[in-house]
Each structure stands twice: as C-alpha cells, then as structure tokens.
Amino acid sequence: MSDASLNSHTHTTTLPSDGGFSDFFALLKPRVMTLVVFTAFVGLYAAPGDIHPLVGLIAILFIALGGGASGALNMWWDADIDRVMRRTRNRPIPSGRVTEREAFGFGITLSAIAVVMLWLATNWVAAAILAFTIFFYIVIYSMWLKRWTPQNIVIGGAAGAFPPMIGWAAVTGGISLESALMFSIIFMWTPPHFWALALFMRSDYDDAGVPMLTVTHGRRATRVHILVYTLLLAGLAVGIGFTMVGGPIYVAASVALNALFIKGAWQIWRRSEEDAEADNYKVEKAFFKLSLYYLFALFGVIALEAGLAPFGLGGW
C-alpha cells in the first residue's frame, strides 16, 4: 500500500448486506471483549464499598457493550486495512457480509446505549470514563496513532487499560491509586503483547502500511523494546501487591508470573532473526500466548485476594 493510499482514508457506501447475527456479533470482537469484561469485573469486585449484585451485573454488561461498540467502530474505520491483512480479511466488512455503513450505525448506537445506561445504573464518573475509552480507541488510536506513528500501540494501549478503572468507579464513584495501577499494568502489558504478534505477523503490517515498530525500526529494536517494557511491567505488577487490593498471595503469584514473563522476553531478546525464522517463530508465538494467560492470572489473583479478604485470609 502506498503512502498516498494510507493517508487518504475513504469509505464506500454499499447496498444493505445480508449479514446475520453471528456477523454483527463478530463486529464486537468477542475475544477482546472477554478481556474487557474480566478486568472490569476485577476492578468492580476489588473496589471498596458495596454494590448490589444486580447493579454490578448490569454495569459489567454495559461496559462490555461499550467495549464491543468500540470494536465495531474500529472495524468500520479500519476496513481498508483489514482487506489487505491476512489475519483480518475474513472479518464481516472485508468479506462483504456487513457494510461499512451498517457497522458504523451499529457501533454508534451501542456506544450511546452503553454510556447512558451505565450512567443511569451507576454514576456519571464510570459513564464518562467509558465514553472517553470509546473516543480514545476510535479517534486517538484508530484514526490517528495507528497509521502515523510506531508508538501507536504504546499510547493506544490506554484504550484497553480503562475497563478496571470503569469497574472501580462504578462502585466508588471515583479513581484511586489502586485503579490507576490496574490501568498501568494493562497499559504496560499491551506493547510487548502486540509486538510479539507483530514479530511473526510482520508481513501483514508491511502490506497494510501500518507503522508498527517492526516495520519502522526493525525486529531487533522490537525485541529490545519487548524486554524493556516487560521489566517495567514486572515492577508495576509486583508493586500493586502492596496496596489495598494486594496481599501475600498476590505478591507470591505475581513474582512467579513475572519471572515467567521476563524469561520469555529474555528468550525473545537474545534470538537472532535467522533462529526465529528457522523454527517459525515458536518462541515469539509462545510468548504471545503466555501474555494472555499472564494478564488473566494476574487479575484473577487480585480477585482472589478480594474474595478472601472478608474471611481475614486475603489482603494485608
């Protein structure tokens, strides 16, 4: 894709599609939504204060809906890129099952419903953070950063880091050190997670003209960045264990999880491209998979500490 085509983002208007429920559901990026729902739940569950279980369930539902709406709007804007990349060309819009206009209308409608209903169910702070999250993901990340800077996934990672803050705010009506640290963990986790993917999917980003770090600075620099961000992440991840949402169980689990994560990043850093190509990027693929388990496990232990605290078994 040429620079000209990259910088002139156009959308086509097509006739109504015959997309079914599964196609519109796919627009919500359900796998990504799983992470949104889980981290939002942990933020809500670990927050001090009480919330009625039904209200909590409703809050998580609309946080998930807002996350899904972001996914639909992202697919609407990135339809031109998705048509080029092997990983995304079978998505509902590139495959012709859903039109761009339908995806846009679907995403905007769900965004409005999610924000308004979260406000009514909880408070304006949680709703405002959700609204800003959707705006950040679509405008700041998708429309601006993704196509213009190799720091796209670094700054843009904030969009995926807000859910625990929203869950926390749904209970407390505000932001705290603990919710900010949960945000920071996901924010620092996102770059090594996606850079590992970019290492073994580089041709996709080359073809689409997306300035991922592997494209602009090369794979050697990307490997160094993965290690540096992983080390910084480890400090944050262990550090949150000494706040009100942590405890000895979390600290022990976090040390073990981060040791594994650092080991994986070290293995990626010390490999040459010849070695990586020779074994079809097995180490990079394993690190990418590990990163998913790592984040779920880390937040899972935060939830465990919160669940044990009433019995005097969790927390400090």
Protein backbone atom coordinates (compact mmCIF):
# COMPACT_ATOMS: atom_id res chain seq x y z
CA MET A 1 0.00 0.00 0.00
CA SER A 2 1.43 3.38 -0.97
CA ASP A 3 1.78 6.37 1.34
CA ALA A 4 -0.93 8.12 -0.62
CA SER A 5 -3.40 5.33 -0.12
CA LEU A 6 -2.50 5.11 3.55
CA ASN A 7 -3.04 8.81 4.16
CA SER A 8 -6.33 9.08 2.27
CA HIS A 9 -8.81 7.07 4.23
CA THR A 10 -12.06 6.61 2.32
CA HIS A 11 -15.14 4.52 2.92
CA THR A 12 -17.52 3.16 0.36
CA THR A 13 -21.30 3.06 0.55
CA THR A 14 -22.79 -0.25 -0.45
CA LEU A 15 -26.20 -1.82 -0.58
CA PRO A 16 -27.57 -3.36 2.61
CA SER A 17 -25.84 -6.63 3.44
CA ASP A 18 -27.33 -9.96 4.31
CA GLY A 19 -25.21 -10.30 7.46
CA GLY A 20 -26.67 -12.41 10.22
CA PHE A 21 -26.47 -12.29 13.99
CA SER A 22 -23.07 -14.00 14.05
CA ASP A 23 -21.61 -11.38 11.71
CA PHE A 24 -22.77 -8.45 13.83
CA PHE A 25 -21.61 -10.28 16.95
CA ALA A 26 -18.18 -10.69 15.32
CA LEU A 27 -18.03 -6.90 14.93
CA LEU A 28 -17.92 -6.69 18.72
CA LYS A 29 -14.58 -8.53 18.78
CA PRO A 30 -15.81 -11.07 21.35
CA ARG A 31 -12.34 -12.40 22.20
CA VAL A 32 -11.14 -8.91 23.07
CA MET A 33 -14.40 -8.30 24.93
CA THR A 34 -13.59 -11.26 27.17
CA LEU A 35 -10.55 -9.40 28.49
CA VAL A 36 -12.57 -6.18 28.86
CA VAL A 37 -15.28 -7.95 30.86
CA PHE A 38 -12.85 -9.79 33.11
CA THR A 39 -10.65 -6.82 34.01
CA ALA A 40 -13.71 -4.60 34.52
CA PHE A 41 -15.19 -7.23 36.83
CA VAL A 42 -11.96 -7.41 38.84
CA GLY A 43 -11.91 -3.63 39.20
CA LEU A 44 -15.52 -3.67 40.37
CA TYR A 45 -15.08 -6.66 42.69
CA ALA A 46 -11.88 -5.39 44.32
CA ALA A 47 -13.20 -1.86 44.88
CA PRO A 48 -14.03 -0.83 48.45
CA GLY A 49 -17.71 -0.30 49.10
CA ASP A 50 -20.90 -2.13 48.32
CA ILE A 51 -22.81 -2.53 45.10
CA HIS A 52 -25.95 -4.59 44.62
CA PRO A 53 -25.11 -7.76 42.66
CA LEU A 54 -27.76 -6.96 40.05
CA VAL A 55 -26.40 -3.43 39.59
CA GLY A 56 -22.89 -4.86 39.33
CA LEU A 57 -24.03 -7.31 36.67
CA ILE A 58 -25.74 -4.52 34.74
CA ALA A 59 -22.59 -2.38 34.98
CA ILE A 60 -20.41 -5.16 33.58
CA LEU A 61 -22.95 -5.77 30.80
CA PHE A 62 -22.82 -2.17 29.62
CA ILE A 63 -19.05 -1.92 30.00
CA ALA A 64 -18.86 -4.98 27.74
CA LEU A 65 -21.32 -3.39 25.32
CA GLY A 66 -19.21 -0.25 25.20
CA GLY A 67 -16.11 -2.33 24.52
CA GLY A 68 -17.93 -4.18 21.76
CA ALA A 69 -19.15 -0.91 20.26
CA SER A 70 -15.52 0.26 20.11
CA GLY A 71 -14.66 -2.92 18.22
CA ALA A 72 -17.42 -2.33 15.68
CA LEU A 73 -16.34 1.27 15.09
CA ASN A 74 -12.72 0.17 14.80
CA MET A 75 -13.67 -2.37 12.13
CA TRP A 76 -15.64 0.33 10.32
CA TRP A 77 -12.65 2.69 10.22
CA ASP A 78 -10.04 0.00 9.51
CA ALA A 79 -11.98 -1.77 6.76
CA ASP A 80 -9.40 -0.74 4.14
CA ILE A 81 -6.54 -2.17 6.21
CA ASP A 82 -8.49 -5.30 7.10
CA ARG A 83 -8.98 -6.09 3.41
CA VAL A 84 -5.20 -6.25 2.97
CA MET A 85 -4.11 -8.17 6.05
CA ARG A 86 -4.38 -11.97 6.05
CA ARG A 87 -5.30 -12.01 9.73
CA THR A 88 -8.33 -9.76 9.22
CA ARG A 89 -9.52 -10.15 5.64
CA ASN A 90 -12.29 -12.56 6.64
CA ARG A 91 -13.87 -10.13 9.09
CA PRO A 92 -17.51 -9.19 8.39
CA ILE A 93 -16.81 -5.96 6.47
CA PRO A 94 -13.89 -7.07 4.22
CA SER A 95 -15.75 -10.28 3.38
CA GLY A 96 -18.84 -8.28 2.38
CA ARG A 97 -21.17 -9.78 4.98
CA VAL A 98 -21.70 -6.39 6.67
CA THR A 99 -21.43 -2.96 5.05
CA GLU A 100 -19.35 -0.14 6.47
CA ARG A 101 -22.47 1.98 6.96
CA GLU A 102 -24.15 -0.79 8.93
CA ALA A 103 -21.08 -1.28 11.12
CA PHE A 104 -20.86 2.46 11.82
CA GLY A 105 -24.53 2.74 12.75
CA PHE A 106 -24.29 -0.39 14.88
CA GLY A 107 -21.23 0.90 16.75
CA ILE A 108 -22.59 4.41 17.36
CA THR A 109 -25.94 3.09 18.60
CA LEU A 110 -24.35 0.61 21.01
CA SER A 111 -21.93 3.29 22.26
CA ALA A 112 -24.76 5.64 23.16
CA ILE A 113 -26.78 2.89 24.84
CA ALA A 114 -23.78 1.65 26.85
CA VAL A 115 -22.74 5.08 28.16
CA VAL A 116 -26.24 6.28 29.04
CA MET A 117 -27.27 3.04 30.70
CA LEU A 118 -24.05 2.79 32.71
CA TRP A 119 -24.66 6.35 33.94
CA LEU A 120 -28.22 5.51 34.96
CA ALA A 121 -27.20 2.24 36.62
CA THR A 122 -24.13 3.55 38.48
CA ASN A 123 -22.74 7.09 38.26
CA TRP A 124 -21.52 9.74 35.85
CA VAL A 125 -17.82 9.09 36.56
CA ALA A 126 -17.97 5.48 35.33
CA ALA A 127 -20.03 6.55 32.32
CA ALA A 128 -17.60 9.38 31.50
CA ILE A 129 -14.60 7.05 31.60
CA LEU A 130 -16.44 4.59 29.33
CA ALA A 131 -17.30 7.38 26.88
CA PHE A 132 -13.69 8.58 26.89
CA THR A 133 -12.48 5.00 26.35
CA ILE A 134 -14.61 4.65 23.22
CA PHE A 135 -13.46 8.07 21.96
CA PHE A 136 -9.82 7.27 22.69
CA TYR A 137 -9.93 3.91 20.90
CA ILE A 138 -11.64 5.21 17.79
CA VAL A 139 -10.33 8.75 17.37
CA ILE A 140 -6.97 8.85 19.15
CA TYR A 141 -5.81 5.30 18.38
CA SER A 142 -7.63 4.07 15.25
CA MET A 143 -7.93 7.34 13.32
CA TRP A 144 -4.66 8.94 14.36
CA LEU A 145 -1.96 6.93 16.10
CA LYS A 146 -2.31 3.59 14.32
CA ARG A 147 -1.47 4.95 10.87
CA TRP A 148 1.02 7.66 11.81
CA THR A 149 3.48 6.55 14.48
CA PRO A 150 5.30 3.40 15.66
CA GLN A 151 4.18 4.44 19.14
CA ASN A 152 0.62 3.53 18.07
CA ILE A 153 0.28 0.51 20.31
CA VAL A 154 2.14 2.17 23.20
CA ILE A 155 -0.17 5.18 23.56
CA GLY A 156 -3.18 3.42 22.08
CA GLY A 157 -2.87 0.68 24.67
CA ALA A 158 -4.57 3.03 27.11
CA ALA A 159 -7.91 2.22 25.47
CA GLY A 160 -7.72 -1.39 26.64
CA ALA A 161 -6.47 -0.38 30.08
CA PHE A 162 -9.52 1.61 31.20
CA PRO A 163 -12.01 -1.24 32.00
CA PRO A 164 -10.77 -1.93 35.59
CA MET A 165 -10.94 1.81 36.26
CA ILE A 166 -14.53 1.87 34.98
CA GLY A 167 -15.46 -1.09 37.17
CA TRP A 168 -13.81 0.57 40.19
CA ALA A 169 -15.59 3.86 39.50
CA ALA A 170 -18.94 2.07 39.18
CA VAL A 171 -18.63 1.16 42.87
CA THR A 172 -16.74 4.12 44.34
CA GLY A 173 -17.71 6.96 42.01
CA GLY A 174 -14.06 7.93 41.63
CA ILE A 175 -10.47 6.99 40.76
CA SER A 176 -7.82 5.80 43.21
CA LEU A 177 -4.18 4.71 43.29
CA GLU A 178 -5.28 1.09 43.05
CA SER A 179 -7.44 1.58 39.96
CA ALA A 180 -4.69 3.70 38.37
CA LEU A 181 -2.18 0.88 38.99
CA MET A 182 -4.52 -1.69 37.44
CA PHE A 183 -4.76 0.64 34.44
CA SER A 184 -0.95 0.93 34.36
CA ILE A 185 -0.47 -2.84 34.38
CA ILE A 186 -2.60 -3.30 31.25
CA PHE A 187 -1.06 -0.21 29.66
CA MET A 188 2.47 -1.60 30.07
CA TRP A 189 1.41 -5.13 29.13
CA THR A 190 -0.11 -4.13 25.80
CA PRO A 191 3.09 -3.22 23.87
CA PRO A 192 5.04 -6.47 24.48
CA HIS A 193 1.84 -8.45 23.87
CA PHE A 194 1.25 -6.88 20.44
CA TRP A 195 4.91 -6.53 19.48
CA ALA A 196 5.30 -10.29 19.92
CA LEU A 197 2.40 -10.71 17.49
CA ALA A 198 3.97 -8.23 15.10
CA LEU A 199 7.22 -10.21 15.06
CA PHE A 200 5.57 -13.23 13.48
CA MET A 201 2.92 -11.27 11.52
CA ARG A 202 5.17 -8.53 10.15
CA SER A 203 4.22 -9.05 6.50
CA ASP A 204 0.62 -8.10 7.33
CA TYR A 205 1.65 -4.73 8.72
CA ASP A 206 4.08 -4.19 5.83
CA ASP A 207 1.35 -4.90 3.29
CA ALA A 208 -1.16 -2.63 5.02
CA GLY A 209 1.34 0.20 5.53
CA VAL A 210 0.78 0.29 9.29
CA PRO A 211 3.87 1.78 11.01
CA MET A 212 4.25 -0.92 13.61
CA LEU A 213 7.62 -0.89 15.40
CA THR A 214 8.74 -3.98 13.44
CA VAL A 215 8.19 -2.03 10.20
CA THR A 216 9.72 1.32 11.16
CA HIS A 217 12.60 0.26 13.43
CA GLY A 218 13.13 -3.40 12.60
CA ARG A 219 12.78 -6.62 14.52
CA ARG A 220 15.99 -6.24 16.53
CA ALA A 221 14.73 -2.99 18.05
CA THR A 222 11.34 -4.58 18.65
CA ARG A 223 12.94 -7.39 20.64
CA VAL A 224 14.77 -4.86 22.81
CA HIS A 225 11.55 -2.93 23.41
CA ILE A 226 9.72 -6.11 24.44
CA LEU A 227 12.33 -6.84 27.11
CA VAL A 228 12.40 -3.26 28.44
CA TYR A 229 8.61 -2.98 28.70
CA THR A 230 8.38 -6.42 30.32
CA LEU A 231 10.86 -5.38 33.02
CA LEU A 232 8.94 -2.16 33.68
CA LEU A 233 5.68 -4.10 33.76
CA ALA A 234 7.09 -6.51 36.35
CA GLY A 235 7.84 -3.66 38.74
CA LEU A 236 4.30 -2.31 38.46
CA ALA A 237 2.70 -5.74 38.69
CA VAL A 238 4.54 -6.70 41.87
CA GLY A 239 4.17 -3.20 43.34
CA ILE A 240 0.36 -3.26 43.28
CA GLY A 241 0.59 -6.22 45.65
CA PHE A 242 1.49 -3.83 48.47
CA THR A 243 -1.67 -1.74 48.09
CA MET A 244 -5.15 -2.44 49.46
CA VAL A 245 -6.00 -4.77 46.55
CA GLY A 246 -2.89 -6.90 47.08
CA GLY A 247 -1.66 -9.26 49.73
CA PRO A 248 0.85 -12.08 50.29
CA ILE A 249 -0.97 -14.46 47.93
CA TYR A 250 -0.92 -11.88 45.14
CA VAL A 251 2.73 -10.95 45.72
CA ALA A 252 3.83 -14.58 45.59
CA ALA A 253 1.79 -15.29 42.45
CA SER A 254 2.90 -12.04 40.83
CA VAL A 255 6.59 -12.78 41.40
CA ALA A 256 6.18 -16.21 39.81
CA LEU A 257 4.14 -14.92 36.86
CA ASN A 258 6.54 -12.06 36.17
CA ALA A 259 9.54 -14.36 36.39
CA LEU A 260 7.98 -16.47 33.62
CA PHE A 261 7.13 -13.38 31.59
CA ILE A 262 10.63 -11.93 31.93
CA LYS A 263 12.11 -15.30 30.95
CA GLY A 264 10.01 -15.28 27.77
CA ALA A 265 11.01 -11.70 26.94
CA TRP A 266 14.67 -12.57 27.55
CA GLN A 267 14.44 -15.51 25.16
CA ILE A 268 12.93 -13.23 22.52
CA TRP A 269 15.64 -10.59 23.07
CA ARG A 270 18.56 -12.97 22.67
CA ARG A 271 17.30 -14.63 19.47
CA SER A 272 18.54 -13.74 16.01
CA GLU A 273 16.12 -13.39 13.11
CA GLU A 274 17.73 -16.42 11.48
CA ASP A 275 16.93 -18.55 14.53
CA ALA A 276 13.38 -17.20 14.69
CA GLU A 277 12.70 -17.88 11.02
CA ALA A 278 14.24 -21.34 11.27
CA ASP A 279 11.74 -22.51 13.89
CA ASN A 280 8.80 -20.47 12.52
CA TYR A 281 8.85 -18.01 15.42
CA LYS A 282 7.88 -20.62 18.02
CA VAL A 283 9.32 -18.61 20.91
CA GLU A 284 7.50 -15.44 19.85
CA LYS A 285 4.22 -17.30 19.42
CA ALA A 286 4.64 -18.95 22.82
CA PHE A 287 5.32 -15.55 24.44
CA PHE A 288 2.20 -14.09 22.80
CA LYS A 289 0.07 -16.92 24.19
CA LEU A 290 1.76 -16.64 27.59
CA SER A 291 0.95 -12.92 27.70
CA LEU A 292 -2.76 -13.70 27.57
CA TYR A 293 -2.55 -16.23 30.40
CA TYR A 294 -0.33 -13.84 32.35
CA LEU A 295 -2.83 -10.99 32.39
CA PHE A 296 -5.84 -13.18 33.19
CA ALA A 297 -3.89 -14.88 36.00
CA LEU A 298 -2.63 -11.59 37.44
CA PHE A 299 -6.10 -10.07 37.63
CA GLY A 300 -7.50 -13.38 38.78
CA VAL A 301 -5.30 -13.28 41.87
CA ILE A 302 -6.42 -9.70 42.59
CA ALA A 303 -9.99 -11.03 42.56
CA LEU A 304 -8.94 -13.92 44.79
CA GLU A 305 -7.46 -11.54 47.37
CA ALA A 306 -10.68 -9.51 47.31
CA GLY A 307 -12.77 -12.65 47.78
CA LEU A 308 -10.71 -13.89 50.72
CA ALA A 309 -10.47 -10.52 52.49
CA PRO A 310 -13.89 -10.77 54.25
CA PHE A 311 -12.72 -14.00 55.86
CA GLY A 312 -9.47 -12.49 57.05
CA LEU A 313 -7.48 -14.60 54.58
CA GLY A 314 -6.70 -12.04 51.89
CA GLY A 315 -5.02 -8.65 51.90
CA TRP A 316 -2.53 -7.31 54.39
